[in-house]
């Protein structure tokens, strides 16, 4: 499994194209999980407000999101990523 978390890797490997990386201080995670095993579908891992843009630019169909402003009431990025990795 390959977990990408940088803009260049996200663009190249998963097709994530958005301007969010340019206007933030990197405080939100945008990631993709890609397996060498073709029977395992790749997954985009994003804050909920980025899913629409990801759907328009990325070839990855499986998108898992977390609410950006849940103040700890909902699962955040770490739990979401861990759930996908440990499935």
N, C-alpha and C. Protein backbone atom coordinates (compact mmCIF):
# COMPACT_ATOMS: atom_id res chain seq x y z
N UNK A 1 0.84 -1.18 0.00
CA UNK A 1 0.00 0.00 0.00
C UNK A 1 0.89 1.25 0.00
N UNK A 2 0.43 2.22 -0.74
CA UNK A 2 1.13 3.50 -0.80
C UNK A 2 0.17 4.58 -0.32
N UNK A 3 0.56 5.29 0.69
CA UNK A 3 -0.24 6.40 1.21
C UNK A 3 0.43 7.70 0.77
N UNK A 4 -0.26 8.47 -0.07
CA UNK A 4 0.29 9.75 -0.52
C UNK A 4 -0.33 10.88 0.30
N UNK A 5 0.47 11.85 0.63
CA UNK A 5 -0.04 12.98 1.42
C UNK A 5 0.44 14.33 0.91
N UNK A 6 1.23 14.35 -0.14
CA UNK A 6 1.73 15.63 -0.65
C UNK A 6 0.99 16.02 -1.93
N UNK A 7 1.01 17.29 -2.24
CA UNK A 7 0.31 17.79 -3.41
C UNK A 7 0.80 17.12 -4.70
N UNK A 8 2.10 17.07 -4.90
CA UNK A 8 2.63 16.51 -6.15
C UNK A 8 2.26 15.04 -6.31
N UNK A 9 2.38 14.27 -5.25
CA UNK A 9 2.02 12.85 -5.34
C UNK A 9 0.52 12.68 -5.52
N UNK A 10 -0.28 13.50 -4.86
CA UNK A 10 -1.72 13.43 -5.03
C UNK A 10 -2.16 13.75 -6.44
N UNK A 11 -1.51 14.74 -7.04
CA UNK A 11 -1.84 15.09 -8.42
C UNK A 11 -1.41 13.98 -9.39
N UNK A 12 -0.20 13.50 -9.22
CA UNK A 12 0.36 12.53 -10.16
C UNK A 12 -0.32 11.16 -10.05
N UNK A 13 -0.47 10.67 -8.84
CA UNK A 13 -0.97 9.30 -8.66
C UNK A 13 -2.49 9.18 -8.60
N UNK A 14 -3.17 10.20 -8.08
CA UNK A 14 -4.61 10.08 -7.89
C UNK A 14 -5.42 11.12 -8.66
N UNK A 15 -4.75 12.07 -9.27
CA UNK A 15 -5.47 13.09 -10.04
C UNK A 15 -6.18 14.13 -9.20
N UNK A 16 -5.76 14.31 -7.95
CA UNK A 16 -6.39 15.32 -7.10
C UNK A 16 -5.90 16.69 -7.57
N UNK A 17 -6.81 17.48 -8.10
CA UNK A 17 -6.46 18.83 -8.56
C UNK A 17 -7.38 19.82 -7.86
N UNK A 18 -6.79 20.65 -7.03
CA UNK A 18 -7.54 21.73 -6.39
C UNK A 18 -6.56 22.79 -5.94
N UNK A 19 -7.07 23.94 -5.60
CA UNK A 19 -6.20 25.03 -5.16
C UNK A 19 -6.07 25.07 -3.64
N UNK A 20 -6.67 24.12 -2.97
CA UNK A 20 -6.67 24.15 -1.52
C UNK A 20 -5.27 24.09 -0.92
N UNK A 21 -4.37 23.33 -1.54
CA UNK A 21 -3.01 23.26 -1.03
C UNK A 21 -2.32 24.63 -1.08
N UNK A 22 -2.70 25.46 -2.02
CA UNK A 22 -2.03 26.76 -2.17
C UNK A 22 -2.52 27.79 -1.17
N UNK A 23 -3.74 27.64 -0.65
CA UNK A 23 -4.31 28.69 0.20
C UNK A 23 -4.36 28.33 1.68
N UNK A 24 -3.80 27.21 2.05
CA UNK A 24 -3.80 26.84 3.46
C UNK A 24 -2.38 26.70 3.97
N UNK A 25 -2.27 26.51 5.24
CA UNK A 25 -0.97 26.28 5.87
C UNK A 25 -0.70 24.79 6.02
N UNK A 26 -1.41 23.97 5.27
CA UNK A 26 -1.21 22.53 5.35
C UNK A 26 -1.86 21.91 6.57
N UNK A 27 -2.90 22.55 7.08
CA UNK A 27 -3.53 22.06 8.30
C UNK A 27 -4.57 20.98 8.05
N UNK A 28 -4.91 20.72 6.81
CA UNK A 28 -5.84 19.66 6.46
C UNK A 28 -5.12 18.58 5.68
N UNK A 29 -5.47 17.36 5.94
CA UNK A 29 -4.87 16.23 5.24
C UNK A 29 -5.66 15.97 3.96
N UNK A 30 -4.95 15.78 2.87
CA UNK A 30 -5.51 15.25 1.63
C UNK A 30 -4.62 14.08 1.27
N UNK A 31 -5.20 12.91 1.15
CA UNK A 31 -4.38 11.73 0.94
C UNK A 31 -5.04 10.78 -0.04
N UNK A 32 -4.24 9.87 -0.55
CA UNK A 32 -4.77 8.77 -1.34
C UNK A 32 -4.04 7.51 -0.91
N UNK A 33 -4.76 6.42 -0.97
CA UNK A 33 -4.21 5.11 -0.60
C UNK A 33 -4.33 4.24 -1.84
N UNK A 34 -3.17 3.83 -2.36
CA UNK A 34 -3.13 3.06 -3.60
C UNK A 34 -2.37 1.77 -3.35
N UNK A 35 -2.96 0.66 -3.74
CA UNK A 35 -2.38 -0.65 -3.52
C UNK A 35 -1.76 -1.18 -4.81
N UNK A 36 -0.70 -1.96 -4.67
CA UNK A 36 -0.12 -2.65 -5.83
C UNK A 36 -1.00 -3.82 -6.26
N UNK A 37 -1.84 -4.28 -5.36
CA UNK A 37 -2.78 -5.36 -5.65
C UNK A 37 -3.98 -4.79 -6.40
N UNK A 38 -4.17 -5.19 -7.65
CA UNK A 38 -5.24 -4.62 -8.47
C UNK A 38 -6.63 -4.96 -7.97
N UNK A 39 -6.75 -5.95 -7.09
CA UNK A 39 -8.08 -6.30 -6.56
C UNK A 39 -8.51 -5.36 -5.43
N UNK A 40 -7.60 -4.53 -4.97
CA UNK A 40 -7.90 -3.55 -3.91
C UNK A 40 -8.06 -2.18 -4.56
N UNK A 41 -9.27 -1.63 -4.46
CA UNK A 41 -9.54 -0.33 -5.07
C UNK A 41 -8.81 0.79 -4.34
N UNK A 42 -8.30 1.79 -5.09
CA UNK A 42 -7.68 2.95 -4.46
C UNK A 42 -8.74 3.80 -3.76
N UNK A 43 -8.30 4.59 -2.79
CA UNK A 43 -9.21 5.40 -1.99
C UNK A 43 -8.65 6.80 -1.84
N UNK A 44 -9.51 7.81 -2.01
CA UNK A 44 -9.15 9.19 -1.68
C UNK A 44 -9.61 9.47 -0.26
N UNK A 45 -8.82 10.18 0.51
CA UNK A 45 -9.14 10.52 1.89
C UNK A 45 -9.04 12.04 2.01
N UNK A 46 -10.21 12.66 2.21
CA UNK A 46 -10.28 14.12 2.13
C UNK A 46 -11.25 14.71 3.14
N UNK A 47 -11.07 15.99 3.51
CA UNK A 47 -12.11 16.68 4.26
C UNK A 47 -13.35 16.80 3.37
N UNK A 48 -14.50 16.82 3.96
CA UNK A 48 -15.76 16.79 3.21
C UNK A 48 -15.90 17.90 2.18
N UNK A 49 -15.38 19.07 2.46
CA UNK A 49 -15.56 20.19 1.53
C UNK A 49 -14.74 20.05 0.25
N UNK A 50 -13.86 19.05 0.16
CA UNK A 50 -13.05 18.85 -1.04
C UNK A 50 -13.55 17.72 -1.92
N UNK A 51 -14.57 17.00 -1.49
CA UNK A 51 -15.04 15.83 -2.24
C UNK A 51 -15.61 16.19 -3.61
N UNK A 52 -16.31 17.30 -3.72
CA UNK A 52 -16.89 17.68 -5.00
C UNK A 52 -15.80 17.91 -6.05
N UNK A 53 -14.80 18.67 -5.69
CA UNK A 53 -13.70 18.93 -6.61
C UNK A 53 -12.92 17.67 -6.95
N UNK A 54 -12.74 16.80 -5.98
CA UNK A 54 -12.03 15.55 -6.22
C UNK A 54 -12.81 14.68 -7.19
N UNK A 55 -14.13 14.69 -7.07
CA UNK A 55 -14.97 13.90 -7.97
C UNK A 55 -14.82 14.37 -9.42
N UNK A 56 -14.55 15.64 -9.60
CA UNK A 56 -14.40 16.18 -10.96
C UNK A 56 -13.01 15.95 -11.54
N UNK A 57 -11.99 15.81 -10.69
CA UNK A 57 -10.63 15.74 -11.21
C UNK A 57 -9.99 14.36 -11.08
N UNK A 58 -10.33 13.60 -10.10
CA UNK A 58 -9.63 12.35 -9.83
C UNK A 58 -10.30 11.16 -10.49
N UNK A 59 -9.50 10.20 -10.89
CA UNK A 59 -10.01 8.95 -11.45
C UNK A 59 -10.42 7.98 -10.35
N UNK A 60 -10.08 8.28 -9.11
CA UNK A 60 -10.39 7.39 -7.99
C UNK A 60 -11.86 7.57 -7.60
N UNK A 61 -12.62 6.48 -7.64
CA UNK A 61 -14.06 6.56 -7.38
C UNK A 61 -14.41 6.49 -5.89
N UNK A 62 -13.62 5.77 -5.11
CA UNK A 62 -13.91 5.59 -3.68
C UNK A 62 -13.33 6.77 -2.91
N UNK A 63 -14.21 7.60 -2.35
CA UNK A 63 -13.77 8.77 -1.59
C UNK A 63 -14.31 8.66 -0.17
N UNK A 64 -13.43 8.80 0.79
CA UNK A 64 -13.83 8.78 2.21
C UNK A 64 -13.55 10.16 2.77
N UNK A 65 -14.53 10.71 3.43
CA UNK A 65 -14.42 12.09 3.92
C UNK A 65 -14.75 12.17 5.39
N UNK A 66 -14.27 13.22 6.00
CA UNK A 66 -14.60 13.55 7.38
C UNK A 66 -15.00 15.01 7.41
N UNK A 67 -15.87 15.38 8.35
CA UNK A 67 -16.28 16.78 8.44
C UNK A 67 -15.11 17.63 8.96
N UNK A 68 -14.82 18.69 8.27
CA UNK A 68 -13.69 19.53 8.65
C UNK A 68 -13.91 20.23 9.98
N UNK A 69 -15.13 20.66 10.24
CA UNK A 69 -15.39 21.47 11.43
C UNK A 69 -16.29 20.75 12.43
N UNK A 70 -15.94 19.53 12.82
CA UNK A 70 -16.80 18.77 13.73
C UNK A 70 -16.45 18.97 15.20
N UNK A 71 -15.34 19.64 15.47
CA UNK A 71 -14.90 19.90 16.86
C UNK A 71 -14.82 18.62 17.67
N UNK A 72 -14.38 17.54 17.02
CA UNK A 72 -14.17 16.29 17.73
C UNK A 72 -15.41 15.44 17.92
N UNK A 73 -16.55 15.90 17.42
CA UNK A 73 -17.79 15.13 17.59
C UNK A 73 -17.92 14.00 16.57
N UNK A 74 -17.20 14.06 15.47
CA UNK A 74 -17.26 13.04 14.41
C UNK A 74 -15.85 12.50 14.19
N UNK A 75 -15.73 11.31 13.59
CA UNK A 75 -14.38 10.80 13.29
C UNK A 75 -13.62 11.76 12.39
N UNK A 76 -12.37 11.97 12.70
CA UNK A 76 -11.54 12.88 11.93
C UNK A 76 -10.65 12.13 10.95
N UNK A 77 -9.63 12.80 10.44
CA UNK A 77 -8.80 12.19 9.40
C UNK A 77 -8.03 10.95 9.87
N UNK A 78 -7.50 10.96 11.06
CA UNK A 78 -6.69 9.83 11.51
C UNK A 78 -7.55 8.57 11.61
N UNK A 79 -8.73 8.68 12.19
CA UNK A 79 -9.63 7.53 12.31
C UNK A 79 -10.09 7.06 10.94
N UNK A 80 -10.42 7.99 10.07
CA UNK A 80 -10.86 7.64 8.72
C UNK A 80 -9.77 6.89 7.96
N UNK A 81 -8.55 7.40 8.00
CA UNK A 81 -7.43 6.74 7.33
C UNK A 81 -7.16 5.38 7.95
N UNK A 82 -7.15 5.31 9.28
CA UNK A 82 -6.89 4.03 9.95
C UNK A 82 -7.94 2.99 9.58
N UNK A 83 -9.21 3.38 9.52
CA UNK A 83 -10.28 2.45 9.15
C UNK A 83 -10.06 1.87 7.75
N UNK A 84 -9.59 2.69 6.82
CA UNK A 84 -9.34 2.22 5.46
C UNK A 84 -8.12 1.30 5.43
N UNK A 85 -7.06 1.68 6.09
CA UNK A 85 -5.82 0.89 6.08
C UNK A 85 -6.04 -0.47 6.76
N UNK A 86 -6.80 -0.49 7.83
CA UNK A 86 -6.97 -1.72 8.62
C UNK A 86 -8.13 -2.59 8.13
N UNK A 87 -8.78 -2.23 7.04
CA UNK A 87 -9.91 -3.04 6.56
C UNK A 87 -9.51 -4.37 6.03
